[in-house]
């Protein structure tokens, strides 16, 4: 299931986080770090889509989605936490 009303296209495979992460604005990266595990804000999700070309439902970094929005997967939230702690 894709997110509600956002410019997000759903496909079967995805662009890796390490490919789109550096293309995000600093404010989007900071938001993802500060809100790690929360529903991804629509503006941030759209920025990810722009930075990675397409946000895909089959991508490993996409977790659950529902009426409240899209969550990142547990692996993605772990990756963001490690990146925030400069472990990558």
PDB file of N, CA and C in Angstrom:
ATOM      1  N   UNK A   1       0.848  -1.185   0.000  1.00  0.00           N
ATOM      2  CA  UNK A   1       0.000   0.000   0.000  1.00  0.00           C
ATOM      3  C   UNK A   1       0.885   1.237   0.000  1.00  0.00           C
ATOM      4  N   UNK A   2       0.594   2.186  -0.814  1.00  0.00           N
ATOM      5  CA  UNK A   2       1.368   3.421  -0.912  1.00  0.00           C
ATOM      6  C   UNK A   2       0.758   4.480  -0.010  1.00  0.00           C
ATOM      7  N   UNK A   3       1.519   5.529   0.242  1.00  0.00           N
ATOM      8  CA  UNK A   3       1.053   6.584   1.126  1.00  0.00           C
ATOM      9  C   UNK A   3      -0.067   7.402   0.495  1.00  0.00           C
ATOM     10  N   UNK A   4      -0.785   8.099   1.342  1.00  0.00           N
ATOM     11  CA  UNK A   4      -1.972   8.840   0.932  1.00  0.00           C
ATOM     12  C   UNK A   4      -1.628  10.161   0.275  1.00  0.00           C
ATOM     13  N   UNK A   5      -2.056  10.377  -0.946  1.00  0.00           N
ATOM     14  CA  UNK A   5      -2.000  11.674  -1.581  1.00  0.00           C
ATOM     15  C   UNK A   5      -0.617  12.246  -1.828  1.00  0.00           C
ATOM     16  N   UNK A   6       0.425  11.498  -1.644  1.00  0.00           N
ATOM     17  CA  UNK A   6       1.769  12.007  -1.863  1.00  0.00           C
ATOM     18  C   UNK A   6       2.237  11.621  -3.254  1.00  0.00           C
ATOM     19  N   UNK A   7       3.197  12.374  -3.757  1.00  0.00           N
ATOM     20  CA  UNK A   7       3.749  12.072  -5.078  1.00  0.00           C
ATOM     21  C   UNK A   7       4.702  10.902  -4.946  1.00  0.00           C
ATOM     22  N   UNK A   8       4.150   9.723  -4.722  1.00  0.00           N
ATOM     23  CA  UNK A   8       4.950   8.527  -4.511  1.00  0.00           C
ATOM     24  C   UNK A   8       4.462   7.445  -5.466  1.00  0.00           C
ATOM     25  N   UNK A   9       5.395   6.862  -6.170  1.00  0.00           N
ATOM     26  CA  UNK A   9       5.081   5.792  -7.100  1.00  0.00           C
ATOM     27  C   UNK A   9       5.495   4.480  -6.452  1.00  0.00           C
ATOM     28  N   UNK A  10       4.682   3.453  -6.588  1.00  0.00           N
ATOM     29  CA  UNK A  10       5.012   2.174  -5.986  1.00  0.00           C
ATOM     30  C   UNK A  10       5.427   1.180  -7.058  1.00  0.00           C
ATOM     31  N   UNK A  11       6.529   0.513  -6.829  1.00  0.00           N
ATOM     32  CA  UNK A  11       7.047  -0.505  -7.738  1.00  0.00           C
ATOM     33  C   UNK A  11       7.536  -1.675  -6.905  1.00  0.00           C
ATOM     34  N   UNK A  12       8.235  -2.621  -7.533  1.00  0.00           N
ATOM     35  CA  UNK A  12       8.669  -3.822  -6.840  1.00  0.00           C
ATOM     36  C   UNK A  12      10.066  -3.759  -6.234  1.00  0.00           C
ATOM     37  N   UNK A  13      10.920  -2.861  -6.657  1.00  0.00           N
ATOM     38  CA  UNK A  13      12.268  -2.797  -6.107  1.00  0.00           C
ATOM     39  C   UNK A  13      12.576  -1.370  -5.714  1.00  0.00           C
ATOM     40  N   UNK A  14      13.675  -1.170  -4.988  1.00  0.00           N
ATOM     41  CA  UNK A  14      13.918   0.159  -4.491  1.00  0.00           C
ATOM     42  C   UNK A  14      15.356   0.622  -4.576  1.00  0.00           C
ATOM     43  N   UNK A  15      15.525   1.916  -4.493  1.00  0.00           N
ATOM     44  CA  UNK A  15      16.830   2.537  -4.418  1.00  0.00           C
ATOM     45  C   UNK A  15      17.285   2.448  -2.970  1.00  0.00           C
ATOM     46  N   UNK A  16      18.524   2.110  -2.763  1.00  0.00           N
ATOM     47  CA  UNK A  16      19.053   1.952  -1.412  1.00  0.00           C
ATOM     48  C   UNK A  16      19.119   3.281  -0.657  1.00  0.00           C
ATOM     49  N   UNK A  17      18.949   3.231   0.651  1.00  0.00           N
ATOM     50  CA  UNK A  17      19.048   4.430   1.490  1.00  0.00           C
ATOM     51  C   UNK A  17      20.361   5.152   1.253  1.00  0.00           C
ATOM     52  N   UNK A  18      21.453   4.417   1.208  1.00  0.00           N
ATOM     53  CA  UNK A  18      22.763   5.073   1.065  1.00  0.00           C
ATOM     54  C   UNK A  18      22.868   5.861  -0.228  1.00  0.00           C
ATOM     55  N   UNK A  19      22.002   5.591  -1.201  1.00  0.00           N
ATOM     56  CA  UNK A  19      21.995   6.343  -2.452  1.00  0.00           C
ATOM     57  C   UNK A  19      21.196   7.635  -2.345  1.00  0.00           C
ATOM     58  N   UNK A  20      20.065   7.620  -1.621  1.00  0.00           N
ATOM     59  CA  UNK A  20      19.267   8.842  -1.532  1.00  0.00           C
ATOM     60  C   UNK A  20      19.552   9.679  -0.301  1.00  0.00           C
ATOM     61  N   UNK A  21      20.076   9.097   0.748  1.00  0.00           N
ATOM     62  CA  UNK A  21      20.334   9.832   1.985  1.00  0.00           C
ATOM     63  C   UNK A  21      21.168  11.096   1.766  1.00  0.00           C
ATOM     64  N   UNK A  22      22.318  11.020   1.069  1.00  0.00           N
ATOM     65  CA  UNK A  22      23.132  12.229   0.892  1.00  0.00           C
ATOM     66  C   UNK A  22      22.479  13.290   0.003  1.00  0.00           C
ATOM     67  N   UNK A  23      21.440  12.930  -0.740  1.00  0.00           N
ATOM     68  CA  UNK A  23      20.756  13.877  -1.609  1.00  0.00           C
ATOM     69  C   UNK A  23      19.656  14.647  -0.884  1.00  0.00           C
ATOM     70  N   UNK A  24      19.312  14.208   0.325  1.00  0.00           N
ATOM     71  CA  UNK A  24      18.288  14.899   1.103  1.00  0.00           C
ATOM     72  C   UNK A  24      18.839  16.200   1.660  1.00  0.00           C
ATOM     73  N   UNK A  25      17.954  17.144   1.896  1.00  0.00           N
ATOM     74  CA  UNK A  25      18.374  18.378   2.567  1.00  0.00           C
ATOM     75  C   UNK A  25      18.793  18.038   3.995  1.00  0.00           C
ATOM     76  N   UNK A  26      19.590  18.890   4.568  1.00  0.00           N
ATOM     77  CA  UNK A  26      20.013  18.667   5.956  1.00  0.00           C
ATOM     78  C   UNK A  26      18.807  18.616   6.881  1.00  0.00           C
ATOM     79  N   UNK A  27      17.818  19.455   6.608  1.00  0.00           N
ATOM     80  CA  UNK A  27      16.631  19.468   7.475  1.00  0.00           C
ATOM     81  C   UNK A  27      15.849  18.160   7.383  1.00  0.00           C
ATOM     82  N   UNK A  28      15.782  17.554   6.193  1.00  0.00           N
ATOM     83  CA  UNK A  28      15.089  16.265   6.050  1.00  0.00           C
ATOM     84  C   UNK A  28      15.847  15.169   6.789  1.00  0.00           C
ATOM     85  N   UNK A  29      17.178  15.154   6.657  1.00  0.00           N
ATOM     86  CA  UNK A  29      17.976  14.161   7.385  1.00  0.00           C
ATOM     87  C   UNK A  29      17.810  14.348   8.892  1.00  0.00           C
ATOM     88  N   UNK A  30      17.848  15.592   9.351  1.00  0.00           N
ATOM     89  CA  UNK A  30      17.670  15.861  10.783  1.00  0.00           C
ATOM     90  C   UNK A  30      16.291  15.417  11.255  1.00  0.00           C
ATOM     91  N   UNK A  31      15.259  15.636  10.426  1.00  0.00           N
ATOM     92  CA  UNK A  31      13.913  15.220  10.796  1.00  0.00           C
ATOM     93  C   UNK A  31      13.861  13.700  10.933  1.00  0.00           C
ATOM     94  N   UNK A  32      14.443  12.991   9.960  1.00  0.00           N
ATOM     95  CA  UNK A  32      14.437  11.527  10.012  1.00  0.00           C
ATOM     96  C   UNK A  32      15.181  11.008  11.235  1.00  0.00           C
ATOM     97  N   UNK A  33      16.258  11.646  11.609  1.00  0.00           N
ATOM     98  CA  UNK A  33      17.015  11.240  12.798  1.00  0.00           C
ATOM     99  C   UNK A  33      16.191  11.513  14.063  1.00  0.00           C
ATOM    100  N   UNK A  34      15.617  12.710  14.158  1.00  0.00           N
ATOM    101  CA  UNK A  34      14.863  13.103  15.352  1.00  0.00           C
ATOM    102  C   UNK A  34      13.553  12.332  15.501  1.00  0.00           C
ATOM    103  N   UNK A  35      12.985  11.903  14.388  1.00  0.00           N
ATOM    104  CA  UNK A  35      11.684  11.229  14.398  1.00  0.00           C
ATOM    105  C   UNK A  35      11.791   9.780  13.950  1.00  0.00           C
ATOM    106  N   UNK A  36      12.960   9.199  14.134  1.00  0.00           N
ATOM    107  CA  UNK A  36      13.232   7.838  13.693  1.00  0.00           C
ATOM    108  C   UNK A  36      12.217   6.868  14.304  1.00  0.00           C
ATOM    109  N   UNK A  37      11.519   6.134  13.450  1.00  0.00           N
ATOM    110  CA  UNK A  37      10.508   5.181  13.903  1.00  0.00           C
ATOM    111  C   UNK A  37       9.093   5.716  13.806  1.00  0.00           C
ATOM    112  N   UNK A  38       8.943   7.017  13.586  1.00  0.00           N
ATOM    113  CA  UNK A  38       7.619   7.627  13.455  1.00  0.00           C
ATOM    114  C   UNK A  38       7.148   7.555  12.003  1.00  0.00           C
ATOM    115  N   UNK A  39       5.882   7.875  11.796  1.00  0.00           N
ATOM    116  CA  UNK A  39       5.352   8.017  10.441  1.00  0.00           C
ATOM    117  C   UNK A  39       6.197   9.081   9.745  1.00  0.00           C
ATOM    118  N   UNK A  40       6.594   8.810   8.516  1.00  0.00           N
ATOM    119  CA  UNK A  40       7.420   9.757   7.775  1.00  0.00           C
ATOM    120  C   UNK A  40       6.534  10.898   7.286  1.00  0.00           C
ATOM    121  N   UNK A  41       6.938  12.127   7.613  1.00  0.00           N
ATOM    122  CA  UNK A  41       6.187  13.306   7.187  1.00  0.00           C
ATOM    123  C   UNK A  41       6.076  13.327   5.662  1.00  0.00           C
ATOM    124  N   UNK A  42       4.949  13.771   5.170  1.00  0.00           N
ATOM    125  CA  UNK A  42       4.712  13.809   3.737  1.00  0.00           C
ATOM    126  C   UNK A  42       5.776  14.564   2.967  1.00  0.00           C
ATOM    127  N   UNK A  43       6.192  15.719   3.487  1.00  0.00           N
ATOM    128  CA  UNK A  43       7.216  16.511   2.797  1.00  0.00           C
ATOM    129  C   UNK A  43       8.536  15.760   2.737  1.00  0.00           C
ATOM    130  N   UNK A  44       8.869  15.040   3.799  1.00  0.00           N
ATOM    131  CA  UNK A  44      10.113  14.263   3.826  1.00  0.00           C
ATOM    132  C   UNK A  44      10.006  13.085   2.864  1.00  0.00           C
ATOM    133  N   UNK A  45       8.871  12.426   2.836  1.00  0.00           N
ATOM    134  CA  UNK A  45       8.677  11.310   1.917  1.00  0.00           C
ATOM    135  C   UNK A  45       8.779  11.786   0.467  1.00  0.00           C
ATOM    136  N   UNK A  46       8.206  12.950   0.186  1.00  0.00           N
ATOM    137  CA  UNK A  46       8.320  13.503  -1.164  1.00  0.00           C
ATOM    138  C   UNK A  46       9.761  13.840  -1.505  1.00  0.00           C
ATOM    139  N   UNK A  47      10.519  14.332  -0.527  1.00  0.00           N
ATOM    140  CA  UNK A  47      11.928  14.634  -0.762  1.00  0.00           C
ATOM    141  C   UNK A  47      12.718  13.347  -1.022  1.00  0.00           C
ATOM    142  N   UNK A  48      12.403  12.300  -0.292  1.00  0.00           N
ATOM    143  CA  UNK A  48      13.035  10.994  -0.542  1.00  0.00           C
ATOM    144  C   UNK A  48      12.723  10.545  -1.964  1.00  0.00           C
ATOM    145  N   UNK A  49      11.463  10.689  -2.369  1.00  0.00           N
ATOM    146  CA  UNK A  49      11.069  10.304  -3.725  1.00  0.00           C
ATOM    147  C   UNK A  49      11.858  11.096  -4.760  1.00  0.00           C
ATOM    148  N   UNK A  50      12.043  12.374  -4.511  1.00  0.00           N
ATOM    149  CA  UNK A  50      12.807  13.209  -5.439  1.00  0.00           C
ATOM    150  C   UNK A  50      14.285  12.837  -5.441  1.00  0.00           C
ATOM    151  N   UNK A  51      14.822  12.541  -4.284  1.00  0.00           N
ATOM    152  CA  UNK A  51      16.247  12.211  -4.164  1.00  0.00           C
ATOM    153  C   UNK A  51      16.571  10.825  -4.702  1.00  0.00           C
ATOM    154  N   UNK A  52      15.614   9.898  -4.572  1.00  0.00           N
ATOM    155  CA  UNK A  52      15.863   8.528  -5.006  1.00  0.00           C
ATOM    156  C   UNK A  52      15.112   8.154  -6.266  1.00  0.00           C
ATOM    157  N   UNK A  53      14.403   9.086  -6.821  1.00  0.00           N
ATOM    158  CA  UNK A  53      13.640   8.814  -8.031  1.00  0.00           C
ATOM    159  C   UNK A  53      12.257   8.288  -7.740  1.00  0.00           C
ATOM    160  N   UNK A  54      12.165   7.194  -6.968  1.00  0.00           N
ATOM    161  CA  UNK A  54      10.881   6.552  -6.703  1.00  0.00           C
ATOM    162  C   UNK A  54      10.918   5.939  -5.303  1.00  0.00           C
ATOM    163  N   UNK A  55       9.870   6.135  -4.542  1.00  0.00           N
ATOM    164  CA  UNK A  55       9.703   5.438  -3.272  1.00  0.00           C
ATOM    165  C   UNK A  55       8.888   4.205  -3.598  1.00  0.00           C
ATOM    166  N   UNK A  56       9.428   3.043  -3.309  1.00  0.00           N
ATOM    167  CA  UNK A  56       8.795   1.804  -3.750  1.00  0.00           C
ATOM    168  C   UNK A  56       8.353   0.928  -2.585  1.00  0.00           C
ATOM    169  N   UNK A  57       7.185   0.368  -2.692  1.00  0.00           N
ATOM    170  CA  UNK A  57       6.640  -0.449  -1.613  1.00  0.00           C
ATOM    171  C   UNK A  57       7.458  -1.705  -1.369  1.00  0.00           C
ATOM    172  N   UNK A  58       8.197  -2.183  -2.361  1.00  0.00           N
ATOM    173  CA  UNK A  58       9.019  -3.373  -2.199  1.00  0.00           C
ATOM    174  C   UNK A  58      10.415  -3.081  -1.702  1.00  0.00           C
ATOM    175  N   UNK A  59      10.762  -1.822  -1.532  1.00  0.00           N
ATOM    176  CA  UNK A  59      12.094  -1.461  -1.058  1.00  0.00           C
ATOM    177  C   UNK A  59      12.268  -1.926   0.382  1.00  0.00           C
ATOM    178  N   UNK A  60      13.461  -2.409   0.719  1.00  0.00           N
ATOM    179  CA  UNK A  60      13.694  -2.939   2.067  1.00  0.00           C
ATOM    180  C   UNK A  60      13.522  -1.886   3.146  1.00  0.00           C
ATOM    181  N   UNK A  61      13.689  -0.625   2.792  1.00  0.00           N
ATOM    182  CA  UNK A  61      13.635   0.444   3.798  1.00  0.00           C
ATOM    183  C   UNK A  61      12.218   0.964   4.025  1.00  0.00           C
ATOM    184  N   UNK A  62      11.254   0.474   3.264  1.00  0.00           N
ATOM    185  CA  UNK A  62       9.857   0.844   3.483  1.00  0.00           C
ATOM    186  C   UNK A  62       9.242  -0.196   4.413  1.00  0.00           C
ATOM    187  N   UNK A  63       8.648   0.282   5.487  1.00  0.00           N
ATOM    188  CA  UNK A  63       7.984  -0.618   6.433  1.00  0.00           C
ATOM    189  C   UNK A  63       6.492  -0.625   6.186  1.00  0.00           C
ATOM    190  N   UNK A  64       5.751  -0.549   7.254  1.00  0.00           N
ATOM    191  CA  UNK A  64       4.290  -0.562   7.176  1.00  0.00           C
ATOM    192  C   UNK A  64       3.768   0.757   6.619  1.00  0.00           C
ATOM    193  N   UNK A  65       2.601   0.686   6.025  1.00  0.00           N
ATOM    194  CA  UNK A  65       1.892   1.899   5.641  1.00  0.00           C
ATOM    195  C   UNK A  65       0.420   1.680   5.909  1.00  0.00           C
ATOM    196  N   UNK A  66      -0.243   2.750   6.202  1.00  0.00           N
ATOM    197  CA  UNK A  66      -1.657   2.653   6.508  1.00  0.00           C
ATOM    198  C   UNK A  66      -2.287   4.024   6.491  1.00  0.00           C
ATOM    199  N   UNK A  67      -3.428   4.160   7.122  1.00  0.00           N
ATOM    200  CA  UNK A  67      -4.148   5.437   7.099  1.00  0.00           C
ATOM    201  C   UNK A  67      -3.332   6.598   7.661  1.00  0.00           C
ATOM    202  N   UNK A  68      -2.467   6.309   8.625  1.00  0.00           N
ATOM    203  CA  UNK A  68      -1.676   7.388   9.225  1.00  0.00           C
ATOM    204  C   UNK A  68      -0.468   7.764   8.388  1.00  0.00           C
ATOM    205  N   UNK A  69      -0.046   6.910   7.458  1.00  0.00           N
ATOM    206  CA  UNK A  69       1.083   7.210   6.583  1.00  0.00           C
ATOM    207  C   UNK A  69       2.036   6.042   6.445  1.00  0.00           C
ATOM    208  N   UNK A  70       3.261   6.362   6.076  1.00  0.00           N
ATOM    209  CA  UNK A  70       4.291   5.360   5.804  1.00  0.00           C
ATOM    210  C   UNK A  70       5.342   5.380   6.905  1.00  0.00           C
ATOM    211  N   UNK A  71       5.725   4.198   7.336  1.00  0.00           N
ATOM    212  CA  UNK A  71       6.817   4.032   8.289  1.00  0.00           C
ATOM    213  C   UNK A  71       8.019   3.456   7.552  1.00  0.00           C
ATOM    214  N   UNK A  72       9.209   3.724   8.050  1.00  0.00           N
ATOM    215  CA  UNK A  72      10.394   3.061   7.540  1.00  0.00           C
ATOM    216  C   UNK A  72      10.505   1.706   8.223  1.00  0.00           C
ATOM    217  N   UNK A  73      11.188   0.782   7.582  1.00  0.00           N
ATOM    218  CA  UNK A  73      11.364  -0.551   8.161  1.00  0.00           C
ATOM    219  C   UNK A  73      12.291  -0.474   9.378  1.00  0.00           C
ATOM    220  N   UNK A  74      12.291  -1.534  10.169  1.00  0.00           N
ATOM    221  CA  UNK A  74      13.180  -1.593  11.332  1.00  0.00           C
ATOM    222  C   UNK A  74      14.641  -1.511  10.900  1.00  0.00           C
ATOM    223  N   UNK A  75      14.972  -2.185   9.806  1.00  0.00           N
ATOM    224  CA  UNK A  75      16.348  -2.111   9.282  1.00  0.00           C
ATOM    225  C   UNK A  75      16.708  -0.680   8.902  1.00  0.00           C
ATOM    226  N   UNK A  76      15.768   0.051   8.319  1.00  0.00           N
ATOM    227  CA  UNK A  76      16.026   1.433   7.922  1.00  0.00           C
ATOM    228  C   UNK A  76      16.203   2.325   9.148  1.00  0.00           C
ATOM    229  N   UNK A  77      15.367   2.127  10.164  1.00  0.00           N
ATOM    230  CA  UNK A  77      15.515   2.954  11.367  1.00  0.00           C
ATOM    231  C   UNK A  77      16.839   2.637  12.061  1.00  0.00           C
ATOM    232  N   UNK A  78      17.267   1.374  12.037  1.00  0.00           N
ATOM    233  CA  UNK A  78      18.584   1.016  12.582  1.00  0.00           C
ATOM    234  C   UNK A  78      19.690   1.690  11.782  1.00  0.00           C
ATOM    235  N   UNK A  79      19.563   1.690  10.448  1.00  0.00           N
ATOM    236  CA  UNK A  79      20.566   2.320   9.578  1.00  0.00           C
ATOM    237  C   UNK A  79      20.670   3.813   9.882  1.00  0.00           C
ATOM    238  N   UNK A  80      19.521   4.474  10.038  1.00  0.00           N
ATOM    239  CA  UNK A  80      19.510   5.908  10.339  1.00  0.00           C
ATOM    240  C   UNK A  80      20.166   6.167  11.692  1.00  0.00           C
ATOM    241  N   UNK A  81      19.857   5.331  12.682  1.00  0.00           N
ATOM    242  CA  UNK A  81      20.462   5.496  14.000  1.00  0.00           C
ATOM    243  C   UNK A  81      21.981   5.341  13.925  1.00  0.00           C
ATOM    244  N   UNK A  82      22.445   4.326  13.208  1.00  0.00           N
ATOM    245  CA  UNK A  82      23.892   4.134  13.048  1.00  0.00           C
ATOM    246  C   UNK A  82      24.524   5.305  12.305  1.00  0.00           C
ATOM    247  N   UNK A  83      23.846   5.788  11.293  1.00  0.00           N
ATOM    248  CA  UNK A  83      24.351   6.940  10.527  1.00  0.00           C
ATOM    249  C   UNK A  83      24.407   8.170  11.423  1.00  0.00           C
ATOM    250  N   UNK A  84      23.380   8.367  12.215  1.00  0.00           N
ATOM    251  CA  UNK A  84      23.345   9.511  13.131  1.00  0.00           C
ATOM    252  C   UNK A  84      24.499   9.439  14.128  1.00  0.00           C
ATOM    253  N   UNK A  85      24.859   8.210  14.503  1.00  0.00           N
ATOM    254  CA  UNK A  85      25.957   8.011  15.441  1.00  0.00           C
ATOM    255  C   UNK A  85      27.298   7.837  14.718  1.00  0.00           C
ATOM    256  N   UNK A  86      27.310   8.094  13.415  1.00  0.00           N
ATOM    257  CA  UNK A  86      28.488   8.018  12.554  1.00  0.00           C
ATOM    258  C   UNK A  86      29.144   6.635  12.565  1.00  0.00           C
ATOM    259  N   UNK A  87      28.277   5.613  12.580  1.00  0.00           N
ATOM    260  CA  UNK A  87      28.780   4.234  12.551  1.00  0.00           C
ATOM    261  C   UNK A  87      28.881   3.708  11.129  1.00  0.00           C
ATOM    262  N   UNK A  88      28.374   4.453  10.130  1.00  0.00           N
ATOM    263  CA  UNK A  88      28.446   4.024   8.723  1.00  0.00           C
ATOM    264  C   UNK A  88      29.674   4.641   8.097  1.00  0.00           C
TER     265      UNK A  88
END
